[in-house]
Amino acid sequence: MAKIFCVANQKGGVGKTTTTVNLAAGLAKIGQRVLMVDLDPQGNATMGSGVDKRALELSVYDVLLESASVNEAAVLSEKCGYRVLGANRELAGAEVELVELERRDKRLKAALAQVDAEYDFVLIDCPPSLSMLTLNGLCSAHGVIVPMQCEYFALEGLTDLVNTIKQVHANLNADLQIIGLLRVMFDPRITLQQQVSEQLKGHFGDKVFDTVIPRNVRLAEAPSYGLPGVVFDPAAKGSQAFVEFAQEMVARVQRMAAPKVQAQSASGA
């Protein structure tokens, strides 16, 4: 059964797409079967995975409008080792078209259910706004990975996101929870970042991932070559940190699954 995670933060410029493509590449590198879903009309995660968004015959737009299946629309990024359900400018029109349709917030969930057995992880790159596209992502997911910089304004944005997740959890998707907060673009030399990091750990406890992604030039350069940093320069500190994060994600998913298995065996005894 695939574990489906949204990478979301309502604040822009916090590294959502960088996190999505590098986590996907890191998971693929350690042997996981990964599907990366790009829900942002800008298509940055698609391009950053080595897939030309302009050359897509089918995209996530077609999947949302139910004119194509995930298997028909997803393409393999051979360099990255994972499959990509890509996005391009067409997706911007889906916002308007979905409003008129039935099950408009559950269409991605229904499509992903058909490929549940084919992947270990599905990662969804969400746009920064709380739109119908983001809602489709949140309704599909088991949890949310929140990349954030350790800065004061990031804390304010986090409050908004937590409230959104609570509303979706209460009304649309009872499985949804925050899986963890990932500290990105971290510079330990900056005192404020250290202070905010400690605040996060104090308030959210083990919801804060142990892995910290450092501010890294090679990670920033990688998108211009159409690749995740993990593939572009595997030896870079940022790339190695994302592989560590992938290992931590696998371990966390296994811990999440363990209580359910124990509960099932106890009820069957």
C-alpha atoms as a PDB file:
ATOM      1  CA  MET A   1       0.000   0.000   0.000  1.00  0.00           C
ATOM      2  CA  ALA A   2       1.420   3.363  -1.017  1.00  0.00           C
ATOM      3  CA  LYS A   3       1.957   6.031   1.611  1.00  0.00           C
ATOM      4  CA  ILE A   4       0.772   9.357   0.190  1.00  0.00           C
ATOM      5  CA  PHE A   5       2.280  12.584   1.474  1.00  0.00           C
ATOM      6  CA  CYS A   6       1.685  16.197   0.528  1.00  0.00           C
ATOM      7  CA  VAL A   7       4.598  18.586   0.744  1.00  0.00           C
ATOM      8  CA  ALA A   8       2.800  21.779   1.704  1.00  0.00           C
ATOM      9  CA  ASN A   9       3.286  25.204   3.210  1.00  0.00           C
ATOM     10  CA  GLN A  10       1.074  28.219   2.558  1.00  0.00           C
ATOM     11  CA  LYS A  11       4.135  30.455   2.650  1.00  0.00           C
ATOM     12  CA  GLY A  12       5.917  30.716  -0.716  1.00  0.00           C
ATOM     13  CA  GLY A  13       9.645  30.291  -1.264  1.00  0.00           C
ATOM     14  CA  VAL A  14      10.278  27.818   1.558  1.00  0.00           C
ATOM     15  CA  GLY A  15      11.640  25.003  -0.593  1.00  0.00           C
ATOM     16  CA  LYS A  16       8.533  22.839  -1.147  1.00  0.00           C
ATOM     17  CA  THR A  17       9.494  21.811  -4.672  1.00  0.00           C
ATOM     18  CA  THR A  18      13.158  21.305  -3.740  1.00  0.00           C
ATOM     19  CA  THR A  19      12.018  19.107  -0.864  1.00  0.00           C
ATOM     20  CA  THR A  20       9.592  17.104  -3.020  1.00  0.00           C
ATOM     21  CA  VAL A  21      11.992  16.254  -5.855  1.00  0.00           C
ATOM     22  CA  ASN A  22      14.980  15.579  -3.603  1.00  0.00           C
ATOM     23  CA  LEU A  23      12.984  13.405  -1.214  1.00  0.00           C
ATOM     24  CA  ALA A  24      11.615  11.505  -4.235  1.00  0.00           C
ATOM     25  CA  ALA A  25      15.142  11.026  -5.587  1.00  0.00           C
ATOM     26  CA  GLY A  26      16.447  10.051  -2.144  1.00  0.00           C
ATOM     27  CA  LEU A  27      13.683   7.465  -1.670  1.00  0.00           C
ATOM     28  CA  ALA A  28      14.321   6.057  -5.155  1.00  0.00           C
ATOM     29  CA  LYS A  29      18.019   5.850  -4.368  1.00  0.00           C
ATOM     30  CA  ILE A  30      17.377   3.635  -1.340  1.00  0.00           C
ATOM     31  CA  GLY A  31      15.150   1.285  -3.323  1.00  0.00           C
ATOM     32  CA  GLN A  32      11.638   2.673  -2.830  1.00  0.00           C
ATOM     33  CA  ARG A  33       9.054   2.796  -5.644  1.00  0.00           C
ATOM     34  CA  VAL A  34       8.089   6.461  -5.933  1.00  0.00           C
ATOM     35  CA  LEU A  35       5.494   8.512  -7.799  1.00  0.00           C
ATOM     36  CA  MET A  36       5.901  12.305  -7.713  1.00  0.00           C
ATOM     37  CA  VAL A  37       2.705  14.280  -8.406  1.00  0.00           C
ATOM     38  CA  ASP A  38       3.080  17.919  -9.452  1.00  0.00           C
ATOM     39  CA  LEU A  39      -0.041  19.910  -8.493  1.00  0.00           C
ATOM     40  CA  ASP A  40       1.448  23.328  -9.216  1.00  0.00           C
ATOM     41  CA  PRO A  41       0.563  24.866 -12.624  1.00  0.00           C
ATOM     42  CA  GLN A  42       4.088  26.315 -12.788  1.00  0.00           C
ATOM     43  CA  GLY A  43       5.349  22.753 -13.278  1.00  0.00           C
ATOM     44  CA  ASN A  44       8.623  23.343 -11.429  1.00  0.00           C
ATOM     45  CA  ALA A  45       8.674  19.884  -9.841  1.00  0.00           C
ATOM     46  CA  THR A  46       8.105  18.362 -13.280  1.00  0.00           C
ATOM     47  CA  MET A  47      11.005  20.281 -14.845  1.00  0.00           C
ATOM     48  CA  GLY A  48      13.149  19.679 -11.743  1.00  0.00           C
ATOM     49  CA  SER A  49      12.672  15.933 -12.243  1.00  0.00           C
ATOM     50  CA  GLY A  50      14.159  15.959 -15.717  1.00  0.00           C
ATOM     51  CA  VAL A  51      10.778  15.957 -17.510  1.00  0.00           C
ATOM     52  CA  ASP A  52       9.933  18.672 -20.067  1.00  0.00           C
ATOM     53  CA  LYS A  53       6.495  20.004 -19.078  1.00  0.00           C
ATOM     54  CA  ARG A  54       6.005  21.429 -22.591  1.00  0.00           C
ATOM     55  CA  ALA A  55       6.338  17.971 -24.153  1.00  0.00           C
ATOM     56  CA  LEU A  56       3.807  16.213 -21.902  1.00  0.00           C
ATOM     57  CA  GLU A  57       1.098  14.458 -23.903  1.00  0.00           C
ATOM     58  CA  LEU A  58      -0.940  13.830 -20.730  1.00  0.00           C
ATOM     59  CA  SER A  59      -0.643  15.502 -17.346  1.00  0.00           C
ATOM     60  CA  VAL A  60      -2.239  15.647 -13.896  1.00  0.00           C
ATOM     61  CA  TYR A  61      -4.819  17.949 -15.519  1.00  0.00           C
ATOM     62  CA  ASP A  62      -6.136  15.016 -17.577  1.00  0.00           C
ATOM     63  CA  VAL A  63      -6.189  12.806 -14.490  1.00  0.00           C
ATOM     64  CA  LEU A  64      -8.225  15.351 -12.491  1.00  0.00           C
ATOM     65  CA  LEU A  65     -10.731  15.659 -15.336  1.00  0.00           C
ATOM     66  CA  GLU A  66     -10.839  11.834 -15.558  1.00  0.00           C
ATOM     67  CA  SER A  67      -9.834  11.741 -19.220  1.00  0.00           C
ATOM     68  CA  ALA A  68      -6.681   9.721 -18.380  1.00  0.00           C
ATOM     69  CA  SER A  69      -5.513   7.352 -15.642  1.00  0.00           C
ATOM     70  CA  VAL A  70      -2.387   7.831 -13.512  1.00  0.00           C
ATOM     71  CA  ASN A  71      -0.677   4.976 -15.384  1.00  0.00           C
ATOM     72  CA  GLU A  72      -1.447   6.610 -18.736  1.00  0.00           C
ATOM     73  CA  ALA A  73      -0.250  10.083 -17.689  1.00  0.00           C
ATOM     74  CA  ALA A  74       2.786   9.299 -15.489  1.00  0.00           C
ATOM     75  CA  VAL A  75       6.212   9.161 -17.135  1.00  0.00           C
ATOM     76  CA  LEU A  76       9.447   7.659 -15.875  1.00  0.00           C
ATOM     77  CA  SER A  77      12.303  10.036 -15.120  1.00  0.00           C
ATOM     78  CA  GLU A  78      15.145   7.688 -15.999  1.00  0.00           C
ATOM     79  CA  LYS A  79      17.857   9.883 -14.508  1.00  0.00           C
ATOM     80  CA  CYS A  80      15.977  10.268 -11.215  1.00  0.00           C
ATOM     81  CA  GLY A  81      14.577   6.756 -10.838  1.00  0.00           C
ATOM     82  CA  TYR A  82      10.974   7.703 -10.060  1.00  0.00           C
ATOM     83  CA  ARG A  83       7.770   8.291 -12.025  1.00  0.00           C
ATOM     84  CA  VAL A  84       6.358  11.770 -12.555  1.00  0.00           C
ATOM     85  CA  LEU A  85       2.714  12.779 -12.909  1.00  0.00           C
ATOM     86  CA  GLY A  86       3.582  16.136 -14.393  1.00  0.00           C
ATOM     87  CA  ALA A  87       1.930  19.545 -14.603  1.00  0.00           C
ATOM     88  CA  ASN A  88       1.985  22.458 -17.010  1.00  0.00           C
ATOM     89  CA  ARG A  89      -0.006  25.653 -17.652  1.00  0.00           C
ATOM     90  CA  GLU A  90      -3.120  23.646 -18.561  1.00  0.00           C
ATOM     91  CA  LEU A  91      -3.504  22.906 -14.864  1.00  0.00           C
ATOM     92  CA  ALA A  92      -4.343  26.547 -14.111  1.00  0.00           C
ATOM     93  CA  GLY A  93      -7.615  26.021 -15.978  1.00  0.00           C
ATOM     94  CA  ALA A  94      -8.505  23.021 -13.837  1.00  0.00           C
ATOM     95  CA  GLU A  95      -9.356  25.341 -10.931  1.00  0.00           C
ATOM     96  CA  VAL A  96     -12.321  26.781 -12.807  1.00  0.00           C
ATOM     97  CA  GLU A  97     -13.387  23.518 -14.433  1.00  0.00           C
ATOM     98  CA  LEU A  98     -13.352  21.518 -11.187  1.00  0.00           C
ATOM     99  CA  VAL A  99     -15.793  23.887  -9.457  1.00  0.00           C
ATOM    100  CA  GLU A 100     -18.624  22.628 -11.676  1.00  0.00           C
ATOM    101  CA  LEU A 101     -17.843  18.926 -11.231  1.00  0.00           C
ATOM    102  CA  GLU A 102     -18.966  16.284  -8.743  1.00  0.00           C
ATOM    103  CA  ARG A 103     -16.422  14.990  -6.182  1.00  0.00           C
ATOM    104  CA  ARG A 104     -14.235  17.927  -7.165  1.00  0.00           C
ATOM    105  CA  ASP A 105     -12.017  17.630  -4.071  1.00  0.00           C
ATOM    106  CA  LYS A 106     -11.631  13.810  -4.197  1.00  0.00           C
ATOM    107  CA  ARG A 107     -10.659  13.263  -7.834  1.00  0.00           C
ATOM    108  CA  LEU A 108      -6.944  12.826  -7.224  1.00  0.00           C
ATOM    109  CA  LYS A 109      -7.665  10.442  -4.338  1.00  0.00           C
ATOM    110  CA  ALA A 110      -9.795   8.239  -6.597  1.00  0.00           C
ATOM    111  CA  ALA A 111      -7.130   8.219  -9.315  1.00  0.00           C
ATOM    112  CA  LEU A 112      -4.302   7.314  -6.903  1.00  0.00           C
ATOM    113  CA  ALA A 113      -6.370   4.491  -5.377  1.00  0.00           C
ATOM    114  CA  GLN A 114      -6.076   2.669  -8.712  1.00  0.00           C
ATOM    115  CA  VAL A 115      -2.257   2.506  -8.461  1.00  0.00           C
ATOM    116  CA  ASP A 116      -2.060   1.934  -4.713  1.00  0.00           C
ATOM    117  CA  ALA A 117      -0.154  -1.366  -4.985  1.00  0.00           C
ATOM    118  CA  GLU A 118       2.391  -0.087  -7.500  1.00  0.00           C
ATOM    119  CA  TYR A 119       4.252   2.406  -5.289  1.00  0.00           C
ATOM    120  CA  ASP A 120       5.729   2.621  -1.807  1.00  0.00           C
ATOM    121  CA  PHE A 121       5.534   6.424  -1.695  1.00  0.00           C
ATOM    122  CA  VAL A 122       3.481   9.048  -3.506  1.00  0.00           C
ATOM    123  CA  LEU A 123       4.748  12.611  -2.972  1.00  0.00           C
ATOM    124  CA  ILE A 124       2.516  15.528  -3.948  1.00  0.00           C
ATOM    125  CA  ASP A 125       4.008  18.974  -4.572  1.00  0.00           C
ATOM    126  CA  CYS A 126       1.262  21.474  -3.670  1.00  0.00           C
ATOM    127  CA  PRO A 127       0.966  25.112  -4.779  1.00  0.00           C
ATOM    128  CA  PRO A 128       1.422  27.694  -1.992  1.00  0.00           C
ATOM    129  CA  SER A 129      -2.211  28.851  -1.993  1.00  0.00           C
ATOM    130  CA  LEU A 130      -5.102  26.908  -0.465  1.00  0.00           C
ATOM    131  CA  SER A 131      -6.805  26.171  -3.780  1.00  0.00           C
ATOM    132  CA  MET A 132      -8.934  23.372  -5.209  1.00  0.00           C
ATOM    133  CA  LEU A 133      -5.672  21.775  -6.345  1.00  0.00           C
ATOM    134  CA  THR A 134      -4.160  21.860  -2.846  1.00  0.00           C
ATOM    135  CA  LEU A 135      -7.444  20.526  -1.464  1.00  0.00           C
ATOM    136  CA  ASN A 136      -7.249  17.565  -3.858  1.00  0.00           C
ATOM    137  CA  GLY A 137      -3.763  16.873  -2.552  1.00  0.00           C
ATOM    138  CA  LEU A 138      -4.780  17.119   1.112  1.00  0.00           C
ATOM    139  CA  CYS A 139      -7.836  14.911   0.569  1.00  0.00           C
ATOM    140  CA  SER A 140      -5.603  12.233  -1.023  1.00  0.00           C
ATOM    141  CA  ALA A 141      -2.872  12.186   1.586  1.00  0.00           C
ATOM    142  CA  HIS A 142      -2.137  10.230   4.729  1.00  0.00           C
ATOM    143  CA  GLY A 143      -0.077  13.113   5.980  1.00  0.00           C
ATOM    144  CA  VAL A 144       1.672  16.414   5.332  1.00  0.00           C
ATOM    145  CA  ILE A 145       5.395  17.088   5.291  1.00  0.00           C
ATOM    146  CA  VAL A 146       6.012  20.752   6.080  1.00  0.00           C
ATOM    147  CA  PRO A 147       9.329  22.231   4.910  1.00  0.00           C
ATOM    148  CA  MET A 148      10.106  25.455   6.715  1.00  0.00           C
ATOM    149  CA  GLN A 149      12.893  27.906   7.295  1.00  0.00           C
ATOM    150  CA  CYS A 150      13.789  28.695  10.868  1.00  0.00           C
ATOM    151  CA  GLU A 151      12.692  32.327  10.683  1.00  0.00           C
ATOM    152  CA  TYR A 152      10.082  34.324  12.566  1.00  0.00           C
ATOM    153  CA  PHE A 153       7.577  34.785   9.706  1.00  0.00           C
ATOM    154  CA  ALA A 154       7.743  31.047   8.983  1.00  0.00           C
ATOM    155  CA  LEU A 155       6.194  30.401  12.405  1.00  0.00           C
ATOM    156  CA  GLU A 156       3.227  32.621  11.537  1.00  0.00           C
ATOM    157  CA  GLY A 157       2.661  30.772   8.259  1.00  0.00           C
ATOM    158  CA  LEU A 158       2.852  27.455  10.115  1.00  0.00           C
ATOM    159  CA  THR A 159      -0.090  28.443  12.333  1.00  0.00           C
ATOM    160  CA  ASP A 160      -2.258  29.019   9.239  1.00  0.00           C
ATOM    161  CA  LEU A 161      -1.251  25.668   7.764  1.00  0.00           C
ATOM    162  CA  VAL A 162      -1.973  23.771  10.994  1.00  0.00           C
ATOM    163  CA  ASN A 163      -5.466  25.306  11.091  1.00  0.00           C
ATOM    164  CA  THR A 164      -6.071  24.327   7.451  1.00  0.00           C
ATOM    165  CA  ILE A 165      -4.979  20.740   8.126  1.00  0.00           C
ATOM    166  CA  LYS A 166      -7.297  20.563  11.164  1.00  0.00           C
ATOM    167  CA  GLN A 167     -10.240  21.717   9.029  1.00  0.00           C
ATOM    168  CA  VAL A 168      -9.517  19.206   6.264  1.00  0.00           C
ATOM    169  CA  HIS A 169      -9.032  16.467   8.882  1.00  0.00           C
ATOM    170  CA  ALA A 170     -12.386  17.287  10.507  1.00  0.00           C
ATOM    171  CA  ASN A 171     -14.450  17.657   7.338  1.00  0.00           C
ATOM    172  CA  LEU A 172     -12.860  15.829   4.409  1.00  0.00           C
ATOM    173  CA  ASN A 173     -10.021  13.436   5.319  1.00  0.00           C
ATOM    174  CA  ALA A 174      -9.889  11.837   8.763  1.00  0.00           C
ATOM    175  CA  ASP A 175      -6.494  10.226   7.927  1.00  0.00           C
ATOM    176  CA  LEU A 176      -4.756  13.574   7.444  1.00  0.00           C
ATOM    177  CA  GLN A 177      -2.128  14.586   9.977  1.00  0.00           C
ATOM    178  CA  ILE A 178       1.143  16.458  10.100  1.00  0.00           C
ATOM    179  CA  ILE A 179       3.820  13.805   9.622  1.00  0.00           C
ATOM    180  CA  GLY A 180       6.642  16.148  10.430  1.00  0.00           C
ATOM    181  CA  LEU A 181       8.321  19.519  10.077  1.00  0.00           C
ATOM    182  CA  LEU A 182      11.506  19.604   8.017  1.00  0.00           C
ATOM    183  CA  ARG A 183      13.981  22.384   8.746  1.00  0.00           C
ATOM    184  CA  VAL A 184      15.394  23.552   5.404  1.00  0.00           C
ATOM    185  CA  MET A 185      17.948  26.146   4.238  1.00  0.00           C
ATOM    186  CA  PHE A 186      19.385  25.936   7.733  1.00  0.00           C
ATOM    187  CA  ASP A 187      22.492  27.916   8.662  1.00  0.00           C
ATOM    188  CA  PRO A 188      23.702  27.051  12.191  1.00  0.00           C
ATOM    189  CA  ARG A 189      25.819  30.245  12.297  1.00  0.00           C
ATOM    190  CA  ILE A 190      22.667  32.389  12.511  1.00  0.00           C
ATOM    191  CA  THR A 191      21.541  32.669  16.127  1.00  0.00           C
ATOM    192  CA  LEU A 192      17.897  33.387  15.234  1.00  0.00           C
ATOM    193  CA  GLN A 193      17.673  30.176  13.221  1.00  0.00           C
ATOM    194  CA  GLN A 194      18.994  28.184  16.163  1.00  0.00           C
ATOM    195  CA  GLN A 195      16.444  29.856  18.468  1.00  0.00           C
ATOM    196  CA  VAL A 196      13.500  29.178  16.119  1.00  0.00           C
ATOM    197  CA  SER A 197      14.702  25.584  15.682  1.00  0.00           C
ATOM    198  CA  GLU A 198      14.654  25.109  19.460  1.00  0.00           C
ATOM    199  CA  GLN A 199      11.173  26.681  19.644  1.00  0.00           C
ATOM    200  CA  LEU A 200       9.922  24.241  17.021  1.00  0.00           C
ATOM    201  CA  LYS A 201      11.323  21.247  18.879  1.00  0.00           C
ATOM    202  CA  GLY A 202       9.928  22.550  22.164  1.00  0.00           C
ATOM    203  CA  HIS A 203       6.435  23.016  20.750  1.00  0.00           C
ATOM    204  CA  PHE A 204       6.129  20.130  18.256  1.00  0.00           C
ATOM    205  CA  GLY A 205       8.449  17.573  19.874  1.00  0.00           C
ATOM    206  CA  ASP A 206       8.995  14.448  17.765  1.00  0.00           C
ATOM    207  CA  LYS A 207       6.948  15.964  14.918  1.00  0.00           C
ATOM    208  CA  VAL A 208      10.176  17.791  13.999  1.00  0.00           C
ATOM    209  CA  PHE A 209      12.340  15.559  11.814  1.00  0.00           C
ATOM    210  CA  ASP A 210      15.838  14.856  13.127  1.00  0.00           C
ATOM    211  CA  THR A 211      17.324  15.532   9.687  1.00  0.00           C
ATOM    212  CA  VAL A 212      18.171  19.166   8.952  1.00  0.00           C
ATOM    213  CA  ILE A 213      18.718  20.327   5.357  1.00  0.00           C
ATOM    214  CA  PRO A 214      21.566  22.856   5.235  1.00  0.00           C
ATOM    215  CA  ARG A 215      21.661  25.911   3.021  1.00  0.00           C
ATOM    216  CA  ASN A 216      23.551  24.535   0.030  1.00  0.00           C
ATOM    217  CA  VAL A 217      24.640  26.087  -3.275  1.00  0.00           C
ATOM    218  CA  ARG A 218      24.537  22.786  -5.185  1.00  0.00           C
ATOM    219  CA  LEU A 219      20.892  22.208  -4.221  1.00  0.00           C
ATOM    220  CA  ALA A 220      20.085  25.694  -5.499  1.00  0.00           C
ATOM    221  CA  GLU A 221      21.951  25.106  -8.782  1.00  0.00           C
ATOM    222  CA  ALA A 222      20.389  21.716  -9.541  1.00  0.00           C
ATOM    223  CA  PRO A 223      16.990  22.927 -10.909  1.00  0.00           C
ATOM    224  CA  SER A 224      18.706  24.894 -13.680  1.00  0.00           C
ATOM    225  CA  TYR A 225      20.018  21.525 -14.910  1.00  0.00           C
ATOM    226  CA  GLY A 226      16.562  19.955 -14.607  1.00  0.00           C
ATOM    227  CA  LEU A 227      17.591  17.569 -11.838  1.00  0.00           C
ATOM    228  CA  PRO A 228      17.205  17.136  -8.077  1.00  0.00           C
ATOM    229  CA  GLY A 229      20.374  17.891  -6.130  1.00  0.00           C
ATOM    230  CA  VAL A 230      20.526  14.233  -5.027  1.00  0.00           C
ATOM    231  CA  VAL A 231      21.072  13.278  -8.702  1.00  0.00           C
ATOM    232  CA  PHE A 232      22.941  16.403  -9.857  1.00  0.00           C
ATOM    233  CA  ASP A 233      25.651  16.231  -7.171  1.00  0.00           C
ATOM    234  CA  PRO A 234      25.244  13.231  -4.838  1.00  0.00           C
ATOM    235  CA  ALA A 235      28.344  14.234  -2.842  1.00  0.00           C
ATOM    236  CA  ALA A 236      26.999  17.685  -1.850  1.00  0.00           C
ATOM    237  CA  LYS A 237      26.065  18.151   1.803  1.00  0.00           C
ATOM    238  CA  GLY A 238      22.486  19.082   0.910  1.00  0.00           C
ATOM    239  CA  SER A 239      22.102  15.974  -1.272  1.00  0.00           C
ATOM    240  CA  GLN A 240      23.443  13.705   1.450  1.00  0.00           C
ATOM    241  CA  ALA A 241      21.045  15.321   3.923  1.00  0.00           C
ATOM    242  CA  PHE A 242      18.075  14.503   1.669  1.00  0.00           C
ATOM    243  CA  VAL A 243      19.157  10.844   1.420  1.00  0.00           C
ATOM    244  CA  GLU A 244      19.311  10.796   5.243  1.00  0.00           C
ATOM    245  CA  PHE A 245      15.852  12.359   5.278  1.00  0.00           C
ATOM    246  CA  ALA A 246      14.568   9.637   2.929  1.00  0.00           C
ATOM    247  CA  GLN A 247      15.894   6.989   5.331  1.00  0.00           C
ATOM    248  CA  GLU A 248      14.237   8.793   8.254  1.00  0.00           C
ATOM    249  CA  MET A 249      10.932   8.928   6.336  1.00  0.00           C
ATOM    250  CA  VAL A 250      10.989   5.167   5.694  1.00  0.00           C
ATOM    251  CA  ALA A 251      11.705   4.535   9.386  1.00  0.00           C
ATOM    252  CA  ARG A 252       8.908   6.903  10.460  1.00  0.00           C
ATOM    253  CA  VAL A 253       6.386   5.248   8.129  1.00  0.00           C
ATOM    254  CA  GLN A 254       7.346   1.844   9.551  1.00  0.00           C
ATOM    255  CA  ARG A 255       6.813   3.136  13.106  1.00  0.00           C
ATOM    256  CA  MET A 256       3.421   4.579  12.091  1.00  0.00           C
ATOM    257  CA  ALA A 257       2.381   1.215  10.634  1.00  0.00           C
ATOM    258  CA  ALA A 258       3.522  -0.847  13.644  1.00  0.00           C
ATOM    259  CA  PRO A 259       0.689   0.137  16.074  1.00  0.00           C
ATOM    260  CA  LYS A 260      -1.920  -0.663  13.384  1.00  0.00           C
ATOM    261  CA  VAL A 261      -0.434  -4.123  12.814  1.00  0.00           C
ATOM    262  CA  GLN A 262      -0.374  -4.768  16.573  1.00  0.00           C
ATOM    263  CA  ALA A 263      -3.999  -3.587  16.910  1.00  0.00           C
ATOM    264  CA  GLN A 264      -5.120  -5.868  14.056  1.00  0.00           C
ATOM    265  CA  SER A 265      -3.339  -8.914  15.480  1.00  0.00           C
ATOM    266  CA  ALA A 266      -4.795  -8.193  18.940  1.00  0.00           C
ATOM    267  CA  SER A 267      -8.347  -7.925  17.568  1.00  0.00           C
ATOM    268  CA  GLY A 268      -7.863 -11.139  15.590  1.00  0.00           C
ATOM    269  CA  ALA A 269      -6.544 -13.079  18.583  1.00  0.00           C
END
